[in-house]
N, C-alpha and C. Protein backbone atom coordinates (compact mmCIF):
# COMPACT_ATOMS: atom_id res chain seq x y z
N MET A 1 5.58 -6.79 -10.29
CA MET A 1 5.05 -5.45 -10.38
C MET A 1 5.88 -4.53 -9.51
N ARG A 2 6.31 -3.45 -10.11
CA ARG A 2 7.10 -2.47 -9.36
C ARG A 2 6.29 -1.27 -8.94
N ALA A 3 5.19 -0.99 -9.64
CA ALA A 3 4.45 0.23 -9.35
C ALA A 3 2.96 -0.02 -9.23
N TYR A 4 2.34 0.83 -8.44
CA TYR A 4 0.90 0.85 -8.27
C TYR A 4 0.45 2.25 -8.68
N ALA A 5 -0.49 2.33 -9.59
CA ALA A 5 -1.03 3.61 -10.03
C ALA A 5 -2.42 3.81 -9.44
N ASP A 6 -2.67 5.01 -8.90
CA ASP A 6 -4.04 5.27 -8.46
C ASP A 6 -4.92 5.45 -9.69
N THR A 7 -6.21 5.42 -9.47
CA THR A 7 -7.14 5.44 -10.60
C THR A 7 -7.06 6.74 -11.39
N ALA A 8 -6.84 7.85 -10.73
CA ALA A 8 -6.75 9.12 -11.45
C ALA A 8 -5.60 9.11 -12.45
N PHE A 9 -4.48 8.49 -12.08
CA PHE A 9 -3.37 8.35 -13.02
C PHE A 9 -3.83 7.55 -14.23
N LEU A 10 -4.53 6.44 -13.99
CA LEU A 10 -4.97 5.57 -15.07
C LEU A 10 -6.01 6.27 -15.96
N VAL A 11 -6.88 7.05 -15.36
CA VAL A 11 -7.86 7.80 -16.14
C VAL A 11 -7.14 8.81 -17.03
N SER A 12 -6.15 9.51 -16.48
CA SER A 12 -5.38 10.47 -17.28
C SER A 12 -4.62 9.78 -18.40
N LEU A 13 -4.20 8.56 -18.15
CA LEU A 13 -3.48 7.80 -19.16
C LEU A 13 -4.38 7.43 -20.34
N HIS A 14 -5.63 7.13 -20.04
CA HIS A 14 -6.53 6.62 -21.08
C HIS A 14 -7.46 7.65 -21.70
N SER A 15 -7.65 8.79 -21.05
CA SER A 15 -8.52 9.82 -21.62
C SER A 15 -7.88 11.18 -21.37
N ARG A 16 -8.16 12.10 -22.26
CA ARG A 16 -7.48 13.41 -22.23
C ARG A 16 -7.92 14.26 -21.04
N ASP A 17 -6.91 14.74 -20.30
CA ASP A 17 -7.12 15.77 -19.29
C ASP A 17 -5.78 16.47 -19.07
N SER A 18 -5.72 17.37 -18.12
CA SER A 18 -4.50 18.17 -17.94
C SER A 18 -3.29 17.33 -17.51
N ASN A 19 -3.53 16.15 -16.93
CA ASN A 19 -2.43 15.28 -16.49
C ASN A 19 -2.04 14.22 -17.52
N SER A 20 -2.75 14.16 -18.63
CA SER A 20 -2.47 13.12 -19.63
C SER A 20 -1.05 13.15 -20.18
N PRO A 21 -0.49 14.31 -20.53
CA PRO A 21 0.89 14.30 -21.04
C PRO A 21 1.89 13.69 -20.04
N ALA A 22 1.75 14.04 -18.77
CA ALA A 22 2.65 13.49 -17.75
C ALA A 22 2.44 11.99 -17.58
N ALA A 23 1.18 11.54 -17.61
CA ALA A 23 0.90 10.11 -17.48
C ALA A 23 1.50 9.33 -18.65
N LEU A 24 1.37 9.88 -19.85
CA LEU A 24 1.93 9.21 -21.04
C LEU A 24 3.46 9.17 -20.99
N ARG A 25 4.07 10.26 -20.56
CA ARG A 25 5.55 10.26 -20.42
C ARG A 25 5.99 9.19 -19.44
N ARG A 26 5.28 9.10 -18.31
CA ARG A 26 5.67 8.14 -17.27
C ARG A 26 5.49 6.70 -17.75
N ILE A 27 4.39 6.40 -18.38
CA ILE A 27 4.12 5.01 -18.78
C ILE A 27 5.12 4.54 -19.82
N ASN A 28 5.66 5.47 -20.62
CA ASN A 28 6.66 5.09 -21.62
C ASN A 28 7.99 4.68 -21.01
N HIS A 29 8.21 5.00 -19.74
CA HIS A 29 9.46 4.65 -19.05
C HIS A 29 9.22 3.80 -17.82
N GLN A 30 8.02 3.27 -17.70
CA GLN A 30 7.63 2.54 -16.50
C GLN A 30 7.82 1.04 -16.69
N ALA A 31 8.38 0.41 -15.66
CA ALA A 31 8.42 -1.06 -15.65
C ALA A 31 6.98 -1.57 -15.52
N LEU A 32 6.64 -2.53 -16.34
CA LEU A 32 5.29 -3.08 -16.36
C LEU A 32 5.32 -4.54 -15.97
N PRO A 33 4.20 -5.08 -15.52
CA PRO A 33 2.86 -4.53 -15.52
C PRO A 33 2.57 -3.70 -14.26
N LEU A 34 1.50 -2.91 -14.35
CA LEU A 34 0.96 -2.21 -13.20
C LEU A 34 -0.15 -3.08 -12.60
N ALA A 35 -0.29 -3.01 -11.30
CA ALA A 35 -1.37 -3.75 -10.63
C ALA A 35 -2.72 -3.20 -11.05
N TRP A 36 -3.69 -4.11 -11.17
CA TRP A 36 -5.07 -3.72 -11.45
C TRP A 36 -5.95 -4.51 -10.49
N THR A 37 -6.65 -3.81 -9.60
CA THR A 37 -7.48 -4.46 -8.58
C THR A 37 -8.95 -4.19 -8.83
N TRP A 38 -9.79 -4.78 -8.00
CA TRP A 38 -11.23 -4.54 -8.08
C TRP A 38 -11.53 -3.05 -7.93
N LEU A 39 -10.73 -2.34 -7.13
CA LEU A 39 -10.96 -0.91 -6.92
C LEU A 39 -10.66 -0.12 -8.19
N HIS A 40 -9.59 -0.49 -8.90
CA HIS A 40 -9.30 0.14 -10.18
C HIS A 40 -10.46 -0.08 -11.15
N GLU A 41 -10.93 -1.30 -11.20
CA GLU A 41 -12.01 -1.65 -12.13
C GLU A 41 -13.25 -0.79 -11.86
N LEU A 42 -13.65 -0.72 -10.60
CA LEU A 42 -14.82 0.07 -10.24
C LEU A 42 -14.60 1.55 -10.53
N GLU A 43 -13.51 2.11 -10.04
CA GLU A 43 -13.29 3.54 -10.19
C GLU A 43 -13.04 3.95 -11.64
N PHE A 44 -12.28 3.15 -12.38
CA PHE A 44 -11.98 3.50 -13.77
C PHE A 44 -13.24 3.53 -14.61
N ARG A 45 -14.05 2.49 -14.52
CA ARG A 45 -15.28 2.43 -15.31
C ARG A 45 -16.24 3.54 -14.90
N ASN A 46 -16.34 3.77 -13.59
CA ASN A 46 -17.23 4.83 -13.11
C ASN A 46 -16.74 6.20 -13.56
N ALA A 47 -15.43 6.42 -13.55
CA ALA A 47 -14.87 7.70 -14.01
C ALA A 47 -15.19 7.94 -15.48
N MET A 48 -15.13 6.91 -16.28
CA MET A 48 -15.47 7.08 -17.70
C MET A 48 -16.95 7.40 -17.87
N ARG A 49 -17.79 6.74 -17.10
CA ARG A 49 -19.23 7.02 -17.17
C ARG A 49 -19.52 8.45 -16.68
N LEU A 50 -18.80 8.87 -15.67
CA LEU A 50 -18.96 10.23 -15.16
C LEU A 50 -18.52 11.26 -16.19
N ARG A 51 -17.43 10.96 -16.89
CA ARG A 51 -16.98 11.87 -17.95
C ARG A 51 -18.02 11.95 -19.06
N MET A 52 -18.67 10.84 -19.34
CA MET A 52 -19.72 10.86 -20.34
C MET A 52 -20.91 11.68 -19.83
N PHE A 53 -21.30 11.49 -18.59
CA PHE A 53 -22.39 12.26 -17.99
C PHE A 53 -22.11 13.76 -18.08
N ARG A 54 -20.87 14.13 -17.83
CA ARG A 54 -20.48 15.55 -17.86
C ARG A 54 -20.27 16.07 -19.28
N LYS A 55 -20.48 15.20 -20.25
CA LYS A 55 -20.31 15.52 -21.68
C LYS A 55 -18.87 15.86 -22.03
N GLU A 56 -17.93 15.28 -21.28
CA GLU A 56 -16.51 15.43 -21.59
C GLU A 56 -16.08 14.44 -22.66
N ILE A 57 -16.79 13.32 -22.74
CA ILE A 57 -16.55 12.32 -23.78
C ILE A 57 -17.91 11.80 -24.25
N SER A 58 -17.91 11.26 -25.47
CA SER A 58 -19.13 10.67 -26.02
C SER A 58 -19.20 9.18 -25.65
N LEU A 59 -20.35 8.58 -25.91
CA LEU A 59 -20.50 7.14 -25.70
C LEU A 59 -19.48 6.38 -26.54
N GLU A 60 -19.29 6.81 -27.77
CA GLU A 60 -18.31 6.16 -28.64
C GLU A 60 -16.89 6.27 -28.06
N GLU A 61 -16.53 7.45 -27.58
CA GLU A 61 -15.20 7.62 -26.98
C GLU A 61 -15.04 6.75 -25.74
N MET A 62 -16.09 6.68 -24.91
CA MET A 62 -16.03 5.85 -23.71
C MET A 62 -15.82 4.39 -24.09
N THR A 63 -16.54 3.93 -25.08
CA THR A 63 -16.39 2.54 -25.54
C THR A 63 -14.98 2.29 -26.04
N GLN A 64 -14.41 3.22 -26.79
CA GLN A 64 -13.04 3.08 -27.28
C GLN A 64 -12.03 3.05 -26.13
N ILE A 65 -12.23 3.90 -25.13
CA ILE A 65 -11.33 3.93 -23.98
C ILE A 65 -11.38 2.61 -23.23
N LEU A 66 -12.57 2.10 -22.99
CA LEU A 66 -12.70 0.82 -22.28
C LEU A 66 -12.11 -0.33 -23.10
N ASP A 67 -12.26 -0.28 -24.41
CA ASP A 67 -11.66 -1.31 -25.28
C ASP A 67 -10.13 -1.24 -25.22
N ARG A 68 -9.57 -0.02 -25.26
CA ARG A 68 -8.10 0.14 -25.17
C ARG A 68 -7.58 -0.36 -23.83
N GLN A 69 -8.33 -0.07 -22.79
CA GLN A 69 -7.91 -0.53 -21.46
C GLN A 69 -7.89 -2.05 -21.41
N ARG A 70 -8.88 -2.70 -21.99
CA ARG A 70 -8.89 -4.17 -22.02
C ARG A 70 -7.73 -4.70 -22.86
N THR A 71 -7.43 -4.04 -23.95
CA THR A 71 -6.30 -4.44 -24.79
C THR A 71 -4.98 -4.33 -24.02
N ASP A 72 -4.89 -3.34 -23.16
CA ASP A 72 -3.67 -3.18 -22.35
C ASP A 72 -3.40 -4.39 -21.46
N PHE A 73 -4.45 -5.08 -21.04
CA PHE A 73 -4.26 -6.33 -20.29
C PHE A 73 -3.58 -7.37 -21.18
N GLU A 74 -4.03 -7.47 -22.41
CA GLU A 74 -3.51 -8.47 -23.33
C GLU A 74 -2.04 -8.25 -23.65
N VAL A 75 -1.60 -6.99 -23.67
CA VAL A 75 -0.21 -6.70 -24.02
C VAL A 75 0.68 -6.54 -22.78
N GLY A 76 0.11 -6.73 -21.59
CA GLY A 76 0.93 -6.75 -20.38
C GLY A 76 1.13 -5.43 -19.67
N VAL A 77 0.30 -4.43 -19.97
CA VAL A 77 0.41 -3.16 -19.24
C VAL A 77 -0.11 -3.34 -17.81
N TYR A 78 -1.16 -4.14 -17.66
CA TYR A 78 -1.77 -4.38 -16.35
C TYR A 78 -1.78 -5.86 -16.03
N LEU A 79 -1.78 -6.12 -14.73
CA LEU A 79 -1.94 -7.49 -14.23
C LEU A 79 -3.04 -7.45 -13.18
N SER A 80 -4.08 -8.21 -13.39
CA SER A 80 -5.18 -8.27 -12.44
C SER A 80 -4.74 -9.03 -11.19
N VAL A 81 -4.95 -8.41 -10.03
CA VAL A 81 -4.55 -9.04 -8.78
C VAL A 81 -5.72 -9.04 -7.81
N ALA A 82 -5.85 -10.14 -7.06
CA ALA A 82 -6.86 -10.24 -6.02
C ALA A 82 -6.15 -10.17 -4.68
N LEU A 83 -6.74 -9.45 -3.77
CA LEU A 83 -6.12 -9.26 -2.47
C LEU A 83 -7.05 -9.75 -1.36
N PRO A 84 -6.48 -10.29 -0.29
CA PRO A 84 -7.31 -10.71 0.85
C PRO A 84 -7.99 -9.50 1.50
N VAL A 85 -9.30 -9.52 1.56
CA VAL A 85 -10.06 -8.39 2.10
C VAL A 85 -9.64 -8.08 3.53
N ALA A 86 -9.43 -9.09 4.34
CA ALA A 86 -9.06 -8.86 5.74
C ALA A 86 -7.74 -8.10 5.84
N ASP A 87 -6.77 -8.46 5.00
CA ASP A 87 -5.47 -7.77 5.02
C ASP A 87 -5.62 -6.31 4.61
N ILE A 88 -6.42 -6.06 3.57
CA ILE A 88 -6.64 -4.70 3.09
C ILE A 88 -7.37 -3.89 4.16
N ALA A 89 -8.38 -4.49 4.78
CA ALA A 89 -9.14 -3.78 5.82
C ALA A 89 -8.24 -3.40 6.99
N CYS A 90 -7.41 -4.31 7.43
CA CYS A 90 -6.50 -4.01 8.55
C CYS A 90 -5.50 -2.91 8.18
N GLU A 91 -4.92 -3.00 7.00
CA GLU A 91 -3.94 -2.00 6.58
C GLU A 91 -4.59 -0.64 6.38
N THR A 92 -5.81 -0.63 5.84
CA THR A 92 -6.52 0.63 5.64
C THR A 92 -6.80 1.30 6.97
N GLU A 93 -7.26 0.54 7.94
CA GLU A 93 -7.54 1.11 9.27
C GLU A 93 -6.26 1.58 9.93
N ARG A 94 -5.18 0.84 9.79
CA ARG A 94 -3.89 1.25 10.37
C ARG A 94 -3.45 2.59 9.79
N LEU A 95 -3.48 2.69 8.46
CA LEU A 95 -3.08 3.94 7.80
C LEU A 95 -3.98 5.10 8.20
N SER A 96 -5.27 4.85 8.25
CA SER A 96 -6.22 5.90 8.63
C SER A 96 -5.92 6.40 10.04
N GLY A 97 -5.70 5.48 10.95
CA GLY A 97 -5.42 5.85 12.33
C GLY A 97 -4.16 6.69 12.49
N ILE A 98 -3.17 6.41 11.68
CA ILE A 98 -1.90 7.12 11.77
C ILE A 98 -1.91 8.44 11.00
N TYR A 99 -2.48 8.44 9.78
CA TYR A 99 -2.23 9.55 8.86
C TYR A 99 -3.40 10.48 8.54
N THR A 100 -4.63 10.06 8.72
CA THR A 100 -5.74 10.92 8.30
C THR A 100 -5.75 12.25 9.05
N LYS A 101 -5.45 12.23 10.33
CA LYS A 101 -5.42 13.47 11.11
C LYS A 101 -4.34 14.41 10.61
N LYS A 102 -3.28 13.85 10.05
CA LYS A 102 -2.16 14.66 9.57
C LYS A 102 -2.37 15.17 8.15
N PHE A 103 -2.88 14.31 7.25
CA PHE A 103 -2.96 14.65 5.82
C PHE A 103 -4.37 14.90 5.31
N GLY A 104 -5.40 14.61 6.11
CA GLY A 104 -6.77 14.76 5.62
C GLY A 104 -7.08 13.74 4.55
N SER A 105 -6.61 12.52 4.72
CA SER A 105 -6.75 11.47 3.71
C SER A 105 -8.19 11.02 3.54
N ARG A 106 -8.57 10.79 2.28
CA ARG A 106 -9.89 10.26 1.96
C ARG A 106 -9.82 8.73 1.97
N SER A 107 -10.96 8.12 2.25
CA SER A 107 -11.02 6.66 2.38
C SER A 107 -10.48 5.93 1.16
N LEU A 108 -10.90 6.33 -0.03
CA LEU A 108 -10.45 5.62 -1.23
C LEU A 108 -8.95 5.81 -1.47
N ASP A 109 -8.41 6.97 -1.11
CA ASP A 109 -6.97 7.19 -1.23
C ASP A 109 -6.21 6.26 -0.29
N ILE A 110 -6.71 6.13 0.93
CA ILE A 110 -6.09 5.23 1.90
C ILE A 110 -6.16 3.79 1.39
N LEU A 111 -7.29 3.44 0.82
CA LEU A 111 -7.48 2.08 0.30
C LEU A 111 -6.48 1.77 -0.81
N HIS A 112 -6.22 2.71 -1.70
CA HIS A 112 -5.22 2.49 -2.76
C HIS A 112 -3.83 2.29 -2.17
N VAL A 113 -3.45 3.13 -1.22
CA VAL A 113 -2.13 3.00 -0.60
C VAL A 113 -2.03 1.67 0.14
N ALA A 114 -3.08 1.30 0.84
CA ALA A 114 -3.09 0.01 1.55
C ALA A 114 -2.92 -1.15 0.58
N GLN A 115 -3.59 -1.10 -0.55
CA GLN A 115 -3.45 -2.18 -1.53
C GLN A 115 -2.01 -2.27 -2.04
N ALA A 116 -1.39 -1.13 -2.32
CA ALA A 116 0.00 -1.16 -2.77
C ALA A 116 0.90 -1.79 -1.71
N LEU A 117 0.69 -1.43 -0.46
CA LEU A 117 1.51 -1.99 0.62
C LEU A 117 1.29 -3.49 0.78
N VAL A 118 0.04 -3.93 0.76
CA VAL A 118 -0.25 -5.36 0.90
C VAL A 118 0.33 -6.15 -0.27
N LEU A 119 0.34 -5.55 -1.44
CA LEU A 119 0.94 -6.21 -2.61
C LEU A 119 2.47 -6.24 -2.55
N GLY A 120 3.06 -5.46 -1.67
CA GLY A 120 4.52 -5.40 -1.58
C GLY A 120 5.14 -4.54 -2.66
N ILE A 121 4.37 -3.64 -3.23
CA ILE A 121 4.85 -2.74 -4.28
C ILE A 121 5.48 -1.53 -3.61
N ASN A 122 6.59 -1.05 -4.17
CA ASN A 122 7.29 0.05 -3.50
C ASN A 122 7.14 1.41 -4.17
N GLU A 123 6.48 1.48 -5.32
CA GLU A 123 6.35 2.75 -6.04
C GLU A 123 4.87 3.05 -6.28
N PHE A 124 4.49 4.31 -6.06
CA PHE A 124 3.09 4.71 -6.15
C PHE A 124 2.97 5.89 -7.10
N LEU A 125 2.13 5.76 -8.12
CA LEU A 125 1.95 6.79 -9.13
C LEU A 125 0.65 7.54 -8.88
N THR A 126 0.75 8.83 -8.64
CA THR A 126 -0.43 9.65 -8.39
C THR A 126 -0.14 11.10 -8.73
N PHE A 127 -1.20 11.83 -9.07
CA PHE A 127 -1.11 13.27 -9.27
C PHE A 127 -1.66 14.02 -8.06
N ASP A 128 -2.25 13.30 -7.12
CA ASP A 128 -2.90 13.88 -5.95
C ASP A 128 -1.87 14.18 -4.86
N ILE A 129 -1.75 15.43 -4.48
CA ILE A 129 -0.73 15.86 -3.52
C ILE A 129 -0.92 15.21 -2.15
N ARG A 130 -2.15 15.17 -1.66
CA ARG A 130 -2.39 14.56 -0.34
C ARG A 130 -2.18 13.06 -0.37
N GLN A 131 -2.59 12.43 -1.45
CA GLN A 131 -2.37 10.99 -1.56
C GLN A 131 -0.89 10.68 -1.67
N ALA A 132 -0.15 11.52 -2.38
CA ALA A 132 1.30 11.35 -2.48
C ALA A 132 1.95 11.47 -1.10
N ALA A 133 1.50 12.43 -0.31
CA ALA A 133 2.04 12.60 1.04
C ALA A 133 1.77 11.37 1.89
N LEU A 134 0.57 10.83 1.79
CA LEU A 134 0.23 9.61 2.52
C LEU A 134 1.11 8.45 2.07
N ALA A 135 1.23 8.27 0.76
CA ALA A 135 2.03 7.16 0.23
C ALA A 135 3.49 7.26 0.68
N LYS A 136 4.05 8.47 0.62
CA LYS A 136 5.43 8.66 1.08
C LYS A 136 5.58 8.35 2.56
N ALA A 137 4.65 8.86 3.36
CA ALA A 137 4.71 8.62 4.81
C ALA A 137 4.59 7.13 5.12
N ALA A 138 3.86 6.40 4.29
CA ALA A 138 3.69 4.95 4.49
C ALA A 138 4.88 4.15 3.97
N GLY A 139 5.86 4.84 3.39
CA GLY A 139 7.09 4.16 2.94
C GLY A 139 7.18 3.87 1.46
N LEU A 140 6.24 4.38 0.69
CA LEU A 140 6.30 4.15 -0.76
C LEU A 140 7.07 5.27 -1.46
N LYS A 141 7.71 4.93 -2.56
CA LYS A 141 8.36 5.94 -3.39
C LYS A 141 7.29 6.55 -4.29
N VAL A 142 7.28 7.87 -4.37
CA VAL A 142 6.30 8.56 -5.22
C VAL A 142 7.08 9.46 -6.18
N PRO A 143 7.26 9.00 -7.41
CA PRO A 143 8.03 9.82 -8.37
C PRO A 143 7.29 11.09 -8.75
N LYS A 144 8.05 12.11 -9.04
CA LYS A 144 7.45 13.35 -9.51
C LYS A 144 6.96 13.12 -10.93
N LEU A 145 5.71 13.41 -11.16
CA LEU A 145 5.12 13.20 -12.48
C LEU A 145 4.99 14.54 -13.17
């Protein structure tokens, strides 16, 4: 795995929003697979349910999106990875201690960056400016999307 995508990137990839065209362009030129962790699973599914709650998508569309996402596993877009909780917790606290005062980082953003670092991945895909700043400061490459 060469890249780690935050959940917002993955949501834009699978359902229409203002960042979808950029996500689609990137995935067409991206080395695969992308890491998929427990955090992606939780946030992605919850984001789809939230979009349905907000009436941005229908139940049928949500079901289709979740089905396509599962199909992406079968064709090698994603690789499910399990990470040691203790390693993630230590890295998350380290990053928080160094960078939150500087960037105003949110806990889940720090957790995504920590997972990428623990996995040894060097590229981080995000549309979030503060998360990109955190990822860069932590030593990850953040391509312009």
